Every structure is written in C-alpha cells, then in structure tokens.
C-alpha atoms as a PDB file:
ATOM      1  CA  MET A   1      -7.360 -81.316 -59.833  1.00  0.00           C
ATOM      2  CA  TRP A   2      -7.935 -83.072 -63.158  1.00  0.00           C
ATOM      3  CA  LYS A   3     -10.363 -85.498 -61.582  1.00  0.00           C
ATOM      4  CA  ALA A   4     -12.388 -82.566 -60.206  1.00  0.00           C
ATOM      5  CA  ILE A   5     -12.428 -80.898 -63.633  1.00  0.00           C
ATOM      6  CA  LEU A   6     -13.618 -84.066 -65.329  1.00  0.00           C
ATOM      7  CA  ASN A   7     -16.294 -84.607 -62.669  1.00  0.00           C
ATOM      8  CA  ASP A   8     -17.502 -81.029 -63.141  1.00  0.00           C
ATOM      9  CA  LEU A   9     -17.681 -81.499 -66.907  1.00  0.00           C
ATOM     10  CA  TRP A  10     -19.608 -84.724 -66.490  1.00  0.00           C
ATOM     11  CA  ARG A  11     -22.068 -83.006 -64.117  1.00  0.00           C
ATOM     12  CA  GLY A  12     -22.597 -80.093 -66.512  1.00  0.00           C
ATOM     13  CA  VAL A  13     -20.945 -77.401 -64.386  1.00  0.00           C
ATOM     14  CA  PRO A  14     -20.540 -74.220 -66.466  1.00  0.00           C
ATOM     15  CA  ALA A  15     -17.107 -73.783 -68.041  1.00  0.00           C
ATOM     16  CA  SER A  16     -16.705 -70.382 -66.368  1.00  0.00           C
ATOM     17  CA  ARG A  17     -17.065 -71.976 -62.931  1.00  0.00           C
ATOM     18  CA  ILE A  18     -14.640 -74.769 -63.807  1.00  0.00           C
ATOM     19  CA  ALA A  19     -12.135 -72.174 -65.042  1.00  0.00           C
ATOM     20  CA  ALA A  20     -12.495 -70.141 -61.838  1.00  0.00           C
ATOM     21  CA  ARG A  21     -11.833 -73.231 -59.722  1.00  0.00           C
ATOM     22  CA  PHE A  22      -8.838 -74.156 -61.895  1.00  0.00           C
ATOM     23  CA  HIS A  23      -7.320 -70.689 -61.493  1.00  0.00           C
ATOM     24  CA  ALA A  24      -7.944 -70.762 -57.747  1.00  0.00           C
ATOM     25  CA  GLY A  25      -6.135 -74.117 -57.559  1.00  0.00           C
ATOM     26  CA  ILE A  26      -3.148 -72.798 -59.502  1.00  0.00           C
ATOM     27  CA  VAL A  27      -2.989 -69.728 -57.243  1.00  0.00           C
ATOM     28  CA  GLU A  28      -3.148 -71.953 -54.163  1.00  0.00           C
ATOM     29  CA  GLY A  29      -0.124 -73.877 -55.448  1.00  0.00           C
ATOM     30  CA  PHE A  30       1.815 -70.667 -56.159  1.00  0.00           C
ATOM     31  CA  ILE A  31       0.942 -69.275 -52.716  1.00  0.00           C
ATOM     32  CA  ASN A  32       2.073 -72.466 -50.994  1.00  0.00           C
ATOM     33  CA  ALA A  33       5.363 -72.417 -52.924  1.00  0.00           C
ATOM     34  CA  ALA A  34       5.925 -68.724 -52.139  1.00  0.00           C
ATOM     35  CA  GLY A  35       5.135 -69.319 -48.467  1.00  0.00           C
ATOM     36  CA  ASN A  36       7.596 -72.191 -48.267  1.00  0.00           C
ATOM     37  CA  ALA A  37      10.268 -70.121 -50.015  1.00  0.00           C
ATOM     38  CA  ARG A  38       9.655 -67.230 -47.604  1.00  0.00           C
ATOM     39  CA  ILE A  39      10.029 -69.514 -44.589  1.00  0.00           C
ATOM     40  CA  GLU A  40      13.278 -70.980 -45.903  1.00  0.00           C
ATOM     41  CA  SER A  41      14.824 -67.759 -47.215  1.00  0.00           C
ATOM     42  CA  GLY A  42      13.317 -65.010 -45.093  1.00  0.00           C
ATOM     43  CA  ILE A  43      12.621 -63.035 -48.286  1.00  0.00           C
ATOM     44  CA  ASN A  44       9.221 -61.360 -48.374  1.00  0.00           C
ATOM     45  CA  GLN A  45       9.216 -60.364 -52.049  1.00  0.00           C
ATOM     46  CA  VAL A  46       7.636 -62.240 -54.913  1.00  0.00           C
ATOM     47  CA  ALA A  47       8.462 -61.533 -58.553  1.00  0.00           C
ATOM     48  CA  MET A  48       5.845 -62.833 -60.959  1.00  0.00           C
ATOM     49  CA  SER A  49       7.172 -63.580 -64.422  1.00  0.00           C
ATOM     50  CA  GLY A  50       6.718 -65.960 -67.294  1.00  0.00           C
ATOM     51  CA  GLY A  51       4.004 -66.944 -69.711  1.00  0.00           C
ATOM     52  CA  CYS A  52       1.318 -67.787 -67.179  1.00  0.00           C
ATOM     53  CA  MET A  53       1.552 -64.243 -65.804  1.00  0.00           C
ATOM     54  CA  HIS A  54       0.084 -63.017 -69.104  1.00  0.00           C
ATOM     55  CA  ASN A  55      -3.171 -64.545 -67.881  1.00  0.00           C
ATOM     56  CA  ARG A  56      -4.860 -61.496 -66.345  1.00  0.00           C
ATOM     57  CA  ARG A  57      -7.251 -63.463 -64.156  1.00  0.00           C
ATOM     58  CA  LEU A  58      -4.460 -65.573 -62.702  1.00  0.00           C
ATOM     59  CA  THR A  59      -2.192 -62.579 -62.137  1.00  0.00           C
ATOM     60  CA  ARG A  60      -4.906 -60.459 -60.468  1.00  0.00           C
ATOM     61  CA  LEU A  61      -5.926 -63.291 -58.161  1.00  0.00           C
ATOM     62  CA  LEU A  62      -2.341 -64.134 -57.267  1.00  0.00           C
ATOM     63  CA  ARG A  63      -1.456 -60.485 -56.576  1.00  0.00           C
ATOM     64  CA  SER A  64      -4.571 -60.087 -54.415  1.00  0.00           C
ATOM     65  CA  VAL A  65      -3.788 -63.124 -52.264  1.00  0.00           C
ATOM     66  CA  LEU A  66      -0.119 -62.167 -51.922  1.00  0.00           C
ATOM     67  CA  LYS A  67      -1.061 -58.674 -50.726  1.00  0.00           C
ATOM     68  CA  LYS A  68      -3.425 -60.163 -48.135  1.00  0.00           C
ATOM     69  CA  LYS A  69      -0.511 -62.221 -46.869  1.00  0.00           C
ATOM     70  CA  ALA A  70       1.683 -59.072 -46.642  1.00  0.00           C
ATOM     71  CA  SER A  71       4.136 -60.107 -49.330  1.00  0.00           C
ATOM     72  CA  GLN A  72       5.714 -57.526 -51.588  1.00  0.00           C
ATOM     73  CA  CYS A  73       4.835 -58.370 -55.149  1.00  0.00           C
ATOM     74  CA  CYS A  74       5.993 -57.161 -58.528  1.00  0.00           C
ATOM     75  CA  SER A  75       5.277 -58.288 -62.051  1.00  0.00           C
ATOM     76  CA  ILE A  76       8.051 -58.689 -64.562  1.00  0.00           C
ATOM     77  CA  ALA A  77       7.157 -58.741 -68.236  1.00  0.00           C
ATOM     78  CA  SER A  78       8.555 -61.742 -70.042  1.00  0.00           C
END
C-alpha cells in the first residue's frame, strides 16, 4: 500500500484520490478480517470501536460494505 501511495504522489495524483484509495484499502483489510472471523466463529455481528472509528469516512465505508455482506454492525464509542 505504501508503495502505491508513494507512486501516486510522484505522479501527481490528487491527495483526495490517494486518501480515498487508502481508506478503501483499510476497509478491505477490515472486511477480510471480519470475514475470516465469521467463518471461524459463526458470529455474524461486527462491533466497530476504537480511535480509527472516529474517522467518519472510514466508518461510513466500512458500515456500507458490511451491510452489503449481510453482517450486523454496530458502532461503539471509545
């Protein structure tokens, strides 16, 4: 991911686009982890908590993808 960010910066890609790609990458990692946990545990609920969940863009994107994958999702203020 860092290599892609540095390449984008070098090529002059707008910061907003780089940020969007970064957030999408983070969400992809969270979704993969949640999917693996669901397979192993059988639990279909995801509780989002912690400092990174104060990032509105990240939280909205993560909640949206989780709902598309039929996971129950709740946010917990930290």
